[in-house]
C-alpha atoms as a PDB file:
ATOM      1  CA  MET A   1      50.479 -20.085 -10.658  1.00  0.00           C
ATOM      2  CA  ILE A   2      49.498 -21.698 -13.954  1.00  0.00           C
ATOM      3  CA  LYS A   3      47.500 -24.932 -13.613  1.00  0.00           C
ATOM      4  CA  GLU A   4      48.418 -26.659 -16.849  1.00  0.00           C
ATOM      5  CA  PRO A   5      48.805 -30.466 -16.682  1.00  0.00           C
ATOM      6  CA  THR A   6      51.656 -30.576 -19.210  1.00  0.00           C
ATOM      7  CA  LEU A   7      53.615 -27.916 -17.334  1.00  0.00           C
ATOM      8  CA  GLU A   8      52.987 -29.689 -14.027  1.00  0.00           C
ATOM      9  CA  VAL A   9      54.543 -32.877 -15.452  1.00  0.00           C
ATOM     10  CA  ILE A  10      57.577 -30.950 -16.713  1.00  0.00           C
ATOM     11  CA  TRP A  11      58.030 -29.116 -13.419  1.00  0.00           C
ATOM     12  CA  GLU A  12      57.787 -32.368 -11.452  1.00  0.00           C
ATOM     13  CA  ALA A  13      60.426 -33.983 -13.685  1.00  0.00           C
ATOM     14  CA  ARG A  14      62.711 -30.991 -13.114  1.00  0.00           C
ATOM     15  CA  ARG A  15      62.174 -31.250  -9.340  1.00  0.00           C
ATOM     16  CA  ARG A  16      63.084 -34.963  -9.412  1.00  0.00           C
ATOM     17  CA  ILE A  17      66.229 -34.313 -11.468  1.00  0.00           C
ATOM     18  CA  TYR A  18      67.281 -31.509  -9.114  1.00  0.00           C
ATOM     19  CA  ALA A  19      66.689 -33.737  -6.069  1.00  0.00           C
ATOM     20  CA  LYS A  20      68.723 -36.496  -7.748  1.00  0.00           C
ATOM     21  CA  CYS A  21      71.575 -33.935  -7.897  1.00  0.00           C
ATOM     22  CA  ASP A  22      71.230 -33.278  -4.138  1.00  0.00           C
ATOM     23  CA  ASN A  23      69.635 -29.882  -4.895  1.00  0.00           C
ATOM     24  CA  ASP A  24      73.116 -28.677  -5.848  1.00  0.00           C
ATOM     25  CA  PRO A  25      73.152 -26.313  -8.861  1.00  0.00           C
ATOM     26  CA  VAL A  26      76.734 -27.273  -9.781  1.00  0.00           C
ATOM     27  CA  LYS A  27      75.815 -30.966  -9.846  1.00  0.00           C
ATOM     28  CA  LEU A  28      72.703 -30.112 -11.864  1.00  0.00           C
ATOM     29  CA  VAL A  29      74.754 -28.377 -14.548  1.00  0.00           C
ATOM     30  CA  GLN A  30      77.190 -31.302 -14.603  1.00  0.00           C
ATOM     31  CA  TYR A  31      74.245 -33.667 -14.982  1.00  0.00           C
ATOM     32  CA  TYR A  32      72.919 -31.755 -17.997  1.00  0.00           C
ATOM     33  CA  ILE A  33      76.388 -31.537 -19.567  1.00  0.00           C
ATOM     34  CA  GLU A  34      76.758 -35.319 -19.280  1.00  0.00           C
ATOM     35  CA  ARG A  35      73.286 -35.863 -20.718  1.00  0.00           C
ATOM     36  CA  GLN A  36      74.187 -33.626 -23.647  1.00  0.00           C
ATOM     37  CA  LYS A  37      77.374 -35.636 -24.291  1.00  0.00           C
ATOM     38  CA  GLU A  38      75.400 -38.906 -24.183  1.00  0.00           C
ATOM     39  CA  ASN A  39      72.633 -37.648 -26.493  1.00  0.00           C
ATOM     40  CA  PRO A  40      74.012 -34.852 -28.690  1.00  0.00           C
ATOM     41  CA  GLU A  41      71.262 -35.361 -31.270  1.00  0.00           C
ATOM     42  CA  ARG A  42      68.657 -34.240 -28.712  1.00  0.00           C
ATOM     43  CA  PHE A  43      70.273 -30.828 -28.265  1.00  0.00           C
ATOM     44  CA  ILE A  44      70.408 -28.016 -30.753  1.00  0.00           C
ATOM     45  CA  SER A  45      73.618 -26.032 -30.878  1.00  0.00           C
ATOM     46  CA  SER A  46      73.971 -22.661 -32.466  1.00  0.00           C
ATOM     47  CA  PRO A  47      76.897 -20.282 -32.334  1.00  0.00           C
ATOM     48  CA  ILE A  48      76.631 -17.522 -29.786  1.00  0.00           C
ATOM     49  CA  THR A  49      77.352 -14.139 -31.203  1.00  0.00           C
ATOM     50  CA  TYR A  50      78.358 -11.284 -28.994  1.00  0.00           C
ATOM     51  CA  LYS A  51      77.662  -7.724 -30.015  1.00  0.00           C
ATOM     52  CA  PRO A  52      79.048  -5.171 -27.577  1.00  0.00           C
ATOM     53  CA  HIS A  53      76.699  -2.373 -26.663  1.00  0.00           C
ATOM     54  CA  LYS A  54      77.805   0.946 -28.118  1.00  0.00           C
ATOM     55  CA  ASN A  55      77.362   3.998 -25.942  1.00  0.00           C
END
């Protein structure tokens, strides 16, 4: 595993957020959706384009 102090801080923050959401992935997604609504300027949105794969 990488021993980078900056990454360790980020990973620990993610662990705390996940624990705050009872380690429930659905609650985690809801948490991030709410955070995005509260702080839209902190998130970058770009349109998703779908290109079907041609056989």
